[in-house]
Amino acid sequence: MSHISITIEGNLARLVLSNPPQNRLAQEFFDELRDAISLIAGSGARAALLSADGPDFSYGGDIVPWPTLSPEQLRAAFEKRLGTVNQWERLPVLTVAAVQGLCFGGGFELAIRSDIIFAGASARFGHPEQSLGIVTMLGGIQRVAERVGRAFAMEWALTSEQVPAQQMLERGVINRVVADESLLEEAAAFARKLADGPTRAHLAHKSLLRIWTAGGLAAADGALLDLALPLFETEDVKSALPAAVEAFKADLPRPTFKFKGR
């Protein structure tokens, strides 16, 4: 049984968690996710939309096998899974997650690695690990802290509460809350807009923010020109920049450009 479905629609890849109703993340899921990431990276897609079948995005990891594994087996399994979700985070295309219903545990730890998160109005997010006496095994708590600071991340980790989408938006963990019935449509439209945009520049911004997360302002400033200056040699900028200059000289509105991502 497949845990993921993937389609490439022009320059947009669509990756769907397809093991409802809970969309539990078993080892088979991570194997399929790794293959899907490789497919997307080599497909020519310029953006990817992550969504899920069923009423809920994901209840998190499939915990059933865990008690039967030795400490060495657990470590090996989680190292592999952590490496796989990190590949999603570092994918060299823009990523958008569309989250409905419950987004818990490993499901949230996957979604939070997306560049943009849309959520339905009734969506809830959380870390259930505290109820098991363990921690967020795929790096979720530190990624919440990166977005909202230590205080909220710590409180949330201690309580395992289900946090409503609107509160997640107000805290700055997610980007947009939309009506449940229009979630997938709006998230897909946004992803297509990104895919049709200046994706080379978008990816440079993605890289700068990753560098800033790891090393702060000084590290990001140090990498800025190495990432930015090659853009001036791209086909997109060589078309857009002269046209914008000509419009400025003629006191005309800047024209709309059809970016090719190259």
Protein backbone atom coordinates (compact mmCIF):
# COMPACT_ATOMS: atom_id res chain seq x y z
CA MET A 1 0.00 0.00 0.00
CA SER A 2 1.38 3.37 -1.02
CA HIS A 3 1.71 6.06 1.65
CA ILE A 4 2.42 8.92 -0.79
CA SER A 5 1.13 9.95 -4.18
CA ILE A 6 3.06 12.37 -6.34
CA THR A 7 2.26 14.14 -9.59
CA ILE A 8 4.12 16.74 -11.63
CA GLU A 9 1.83 19.33 -13.17
CA GLY A 10 4.01 21.53 -15.35
CA ASN A 11 6.38 23.32 -13.01
CA LEU A 12 4.44 22.35 -9.86
CA ALA A 13 4.96 19.06 -8.01
CA ARG A 14 2.14 17.81 -5.81
CA LEU A 15 3.00 15.42 -2.97
CA VAL A 16 0.07 13.93 -1.04
CA LEU A 17 0.08 11.90 2.18
CA SER A 18 -2.26 9.11 1.10
CA ASN A 19 -2.78 6.81 4.08
CA PRO A 20 -5.94 8.23 5.66
CA PRO A 21 -7.66 8.58 8.02
CA GLN A 22 -4.64 9.19 10.27
CA ASN A 23 -1.83 9.39 7.69
CA ARG A 24 0.56 7.80 10.17
CA LEU A 25 4.23 8.08 9.22
CA ALA A 26 5.55 4.53 9.12
CA GLN A 27 8.98 3.53 7.83
CA GLU A 28 7.41 2.87 4.43
CA PHE A 29 6.31 6.50 4.36
CA PHE A 30 9.86 7.75 4.86
CA ASP A 31 11.19 5.41 2.17
CA GLU A 32 8.58 6.73 -0.26
CA LEU A 33 9.22 10.33 0.80
CA ARG A 34 12.92 9.99 0.07
CA ASP A 35 12.14 8.69 -3.42
CA ALA A 36 9.56 11.44 -3.98
CA ILE A 37 12.04 14.14 -2.99
CA SER A 38 14.56 12.78 -5.50
CA LEU A 39 11.88 12.72 -8.19
CA ILE A 40 10.87 16.33 -7.49
CA ALA A 41 14.48 17.52 -7.45
CA GLY A 42 15.08 16.06 -10.90
CA SER A 43 11.70 16.88 -12.43
CA GLY A 44 12.19 20.51 -13.37
CA ALA A 45 9.41 21.52 -10.96
CA ARG A 46 9.93 24.99 -9.49
CA ALA A 47 7.60 24.59 -6.50
CA ALA A 48 6.05 21.72 -4.55
CA LEU A 49 2.74 21.48 -2.71
CA LEU A 50 2.48 19.13 0.28
CA SER A 51 -1.03 18.06 1.31
CA ALA A 52 -2.87 15.05 2.71
CA ASP A 53 -5.91 12.94 1.93
CA GLY A 54 -8.66 12.55 4.50
CA PRO A 55 -9.98 14.76 7.30
CA ASP A 56 -6.62 15.12 9.07
CA PHE A 57 -3.15 15.99 7.83
CA SER A 58 -1.34 13.49 10.07
CA TYR A 59 -1.49 12.07 13.57
CA GLY A 60 2.29 11.67 13.51
CA GLY A 61 4.59 8.68 13.64
CA ASP A 62 3.53 5.05 13.62
CA ILE A 63 4.51 4.18 17.20
CA VAL A 64 3.43 0.52 17.10
CA PRO A 65 6.89 -0.95 16.28
CA TRP A 66 8.86 1.28 18.64
CA PRO A 67 8.65 -0.84 21.83
CA THR A 68 10.06 -3.83 19.94
CA LEU A 69 13.20 -2.03 18.77
CA SER A 70 16.53 -2.01 20.56
CA PRO A 71 18.18 1.34 21.39
CA GLU A 72 20.53 0.80 18.45
CA GLN A 73 17.66 0.07 16.09
CA LEU A 74 15.73 3.12 17.32
CA ARG A 75 18.71 5.38 16.77
CA ALA A 76 19.29 4.05 13.27
CA ALA A 77 15.61 4.43 12.38
CA PHE A 78 15.33 7.99 13.66
CA GLU A 79 18.63 9.06 12.09
CA LYS A 80 17.32 7.88 8.74
CA ARG A 81 13.96 9.58 9.22
CA LEU A 82 15.54 12.81 10.39
CA GLY A 83 17.77 12.80 7.34
CA THR A 84 14.78 12.31 5.08
CA VAL A 85 12.67 15.18 6.46
CA ASN A 86 15.77 17.38 6.36
CA GLN A 87 15.94 16.64 2.63
CA TRP A 88 12.43 18.08 2.32
CA GLU A 89 13.54 21.19 4.22
CA ARG A 90 16.58 21.61 1.95
CA LEU A 91 14.84 20.73 -1.31
CA PRO A 92 16.04 23.17 -4.00
CA VAL A 93 12.50 24.18 -4.91
CA LEU A 94 9.96 26.25 -3.01
CA THR A 95 7.62 24.24 -0.80
CA VAL A 96 4.09 24.97 0.42
CA ALA A 97 2.17 22.83 2.93
CA ALA A 98 -1.63 22.74 3.09
CA VAL A 99 -2.74 21.48 6.52
CA GLN A 100 -6.21 20.39 7.55
CA GLY A 101 -7.61 18.83 10.70
CA LEU A 102 -5.07 17.43 13.14
CA CYS A 103 -1.39 18.04 12.39
CA PHE A 104 0.46 16.30 15.18
CA GLY A 105 3.89 14.93 15.99
CA GLY A 106 5.94 13.88 13.00
CA GLY A 107 3.28 15.22 10.65
CA PHE A 108 3.80 18.69 12.04
CA GLU A 109 7.55 18.20 12.05
CA LEU A 110 7.32 17.55 8.32
CA ALA A 111 4.95 20.45 7.61
CA ILE A 112 7.04 22.98 9.54
CA ARG A 113 9.97 22.25 7.24
CA SER A 114 8.00 23.73 4.34
CA ASP A 115 8.76 27.28 3.25
CA ILE A 116 5.11 28.36 3.56
CA ILE A 117 2.27 26.81 5.59
CA PHE A 118 -1.42 27.30 4.80
CA ALA A 119 -3.92 25.90 7.31
CA GLY A 120 -7.64 25.38 7.28
CA ALA A 121 -9.54 27.32 9.93
CA SER A 122 -10.28 24.18 11.95
CA ALA A 123 -6.71 22.81 11.83
CA ARG A 124 -4.90 22.06 15.11
CA PHE A 125 -1.20 21.57 15.68
CA GLY A 126 0.77 19.97 18.48
CA HIS A 127 3.53 17.84 19.93
CA PRO A 128 2.04 14.69 21.52
CA GLU A 129 5.44 13.34 22.50
CA GLN A 130 5.13 14.59 26.07
CA SER A 131 2.21 12.20 26.57
CA LEU A 132 4.64 9.36 25.81
CA GLY A 133 7.51 10.71 27.91
CA ILE A 134 9.69 11.37 24.86
CA VAL A 135 10.73 14.44 22.86
CA THR A 136 10.08 15.65 19.32
CA MET A 137 12.23 13.13 17.49
CA LEU A 138 12.34 14.94 14.14
CA GLY A 139 13.45 18.34 15.36
CA GLY A 140 10.06 19.93 15.79
CA ILE A 141 10.59 21.82 19.04
CA GLN A 142 13.67 23.69 17.89
CA ARG A 143 11.94 24.68 14.67
CA VAL A 144 9.03 26.12 16.63
CA ALA A 145 11.55 28.01 18.79
CA GLU A 146 13.24 29.31 15.65
CA ARG A 147 9.95 30.86 14.55
CA VAL A 148 8.41 32.05 17.81
CA GLY A 149 11.11 31.98 20.49
CA ARG A 150 11.97 29.77 23.42
CA ALA A 151 9.10 30.63 25.78
CA PHE A 152 6.21 29.44 23.64
CA ALA A 153 8.18 26.48 22.30
CA MET A 154 8.96 25.31 25.83
CA GLU A 155 5.41 25.71 27.10
CA TRP A 156 4.03 23.88 24.11
CA ALA A 157 6.48 21.00 24.50
CA LEU A 158 5.51 20.61 28.15
CA THR A 159 1.75 20.52 27.59
CA SER A 160 1.17 18.67 24.30
CA GLU A 161 -1.89 20.86 23.79
CA GLN A 162 -3.66 21.10 20.44
CA VAL A 163 -3.06 24.66 19.25
CA PRO A 164 -5.68 26.13 16.88
CA ALA A 165 -4.61 27.40 13.49
CA GLN A 166 -5.49 31.02 14.31
CA GLN A 167 -3.20 31.01 17.34
CA MET A 168 -0.45 29.46 15.24
CA LEU A 169 -0.88 32.30 12.77
CA GLU A 170 -0.80 34.96 15.48
CA ARG A 171 2.36 33.42 16.94
CA GLY A 172 4.05 33.39 13.55
CA VAL A 173 4.41 29.62 13.19
CA ILE A 174 2.28 29.41 10.03
CA ASN A 175 1.61 31.86 7.21
CA ARG A 176 -2.11 31.86 6.42
CA VAL A 177 -5.41 30.56 7.75
CA VAL A 178 -8.14 30.05 5.16
CA ALA A 179 -11.59 28.51 5.08
CA ASP A 180 -11.46 24.72 5.34
CA GLU A 181 -13.34 24.24 2.10
CA SER A 182 -10.95 26.42 0.09
CA LEU A 183 -7.67 25.30 1.69
CA LEU A 184 -6.32 23.14 -1.10
CA GLU A 185 -7.45 25.51 -3.84
CA GLU A 186 -5.82 28.55 -2.22
CA ALA A 187 -2.62 26.74 -1.28
CA ALA A 188 -2.30 25.35 -4.81
CA ALA A 189 -2.88 28.77 -6.35
CA PHE A 190 -0.17 30.25 -4.15
CA ALA A 191 2.23 27.41 -5.00
CA ARG A 192 1.61 27.90 -8.71
CA LYS A 193 2.26 31.61 -8.35
CA LEU A 194 5.60 30.83 -6.73
CA ALA A 195 6.41 28.28 -9.44
CA ASP A 196 5.75 30.88 -12.13
CA GLY A 197 7.83 33.54 -10.40
CA PRO A 198 11.55 34.36 -10.21
CA THR A 199 12.39 31.07 -8.57
CA ARG A 200 16.15 31.53 -8.79
CA ALA A 201 15.79 34.62 -6.59
CA HIS A 202 13.30 32.82 -4.33
CA LEU A 203 15.81 30.02 -3.76
CA ALA A 204 18.54 32.54 -2.97
CA HIS A 205 16.28 33.98 -0.28
CA LYS A 206 15.63 30.45 1.00
CA SER A 207 19.37 29.86 1.24
CA LEU A 208 19.98 33.19 2.98
CA LEU A 209 17.38 32.41 5.62
CA ARG A 210 18.90 28.98 6.24
CA ILE A 211 22.33 30.58 6.65
CA TRP A 212 20.86 33.22 8.97
CA THR A 213 19.20 30.50 11.07
CA ALA A 214 22.48 28.68 11.52
CA GLY A 215 24.89 31.60 11.82
CA GLY A 216 22.98 34.85 12.35
CA LEU A 217 23.16 38.15 10.51
CA ALA A 218 26.91 38.16 10.02
CA ALA A 219 26.87 34.77 8.31
CA ALA A 220 23.96 35.74 6.05
CA ASP A 221 25.62 39.05 5.15
CA GLY A 222 28.82 37.19 4.34
CA ALA A 223 26.98 34.89 1.93
CA LEU A 224 24.76 37.56 0.39
CA LEU A 225 26.82 38.63 -2.62
CA ASP A 226 27.87 35.09 -3.49
CA LEU A 227 24.19 34.18 -3.74
CA ALA A 228 22.91 37.45 -5.21
CA LEU A 229 25.37 38.43 -7.91
CA PRO A 230 24.99 35.27 -10.05
CA LEU A 231 21.33 36.21 -10.45
CA PHE A 232 22.36 39.11 -12.69
CA GLU A 233 23.63 36.53 -15.20
CA THR A 234 20.34 34.61 -15.38
CA GLU A 235 18.02 34.73 -18.35
CA ASP A 236 15.23 36.07 -16.15
CA VAL A 237 17.17 39.08 -14.89
CA LYS A 238 18.73 39.82 -18.28
CA SER A 239 15.18 40.13 -19.62
CA ALA A 240 13.46 41.79 -16.69
CA LEU A 241 16.02 44.33 -15.54
CA PRO A 242 16.54 46.20 -18.87
CA ALA A 243 12.78 46.27 -19.47
CA ALA A 244 12.22 47.73 -16.01
CA VAL A 245 14.87 50.39 -16.65
CA GLU A 246 13.28 51.35 -19.96
CA ALA A 247 9.87 51.63 -18.31
CA PHE A 248 11.36 53.83 -15.58
CA LYS A 249 12.99 56.14 -18.13
CA ALA A 250 9.73 56.43 -20.03
CA ASP A 251 7.76 57.07 -16.83
CA LEU A 252 5.69 53.95 -17.47
CA PRO A 253 4.55 51.22 -15.05
CA ARG A 254 6.99 48.36 -14.68
CA PRO A 255 5.98 45.57 -17.08
CA THR A 256 4.91 42.14 -15.88
CA PHE A 257 7.49 39.48 -16.65
CA LYS A 258 7.09 35.82 -17.48
CA PHE A 259 9.88 34.28 -15.45
CA LYS A 260 11.41 31.00 -16.58
CA GLY A 261 13.46 30.11 -13.54
CA ARG A 262 16.72 30.25 -15.46
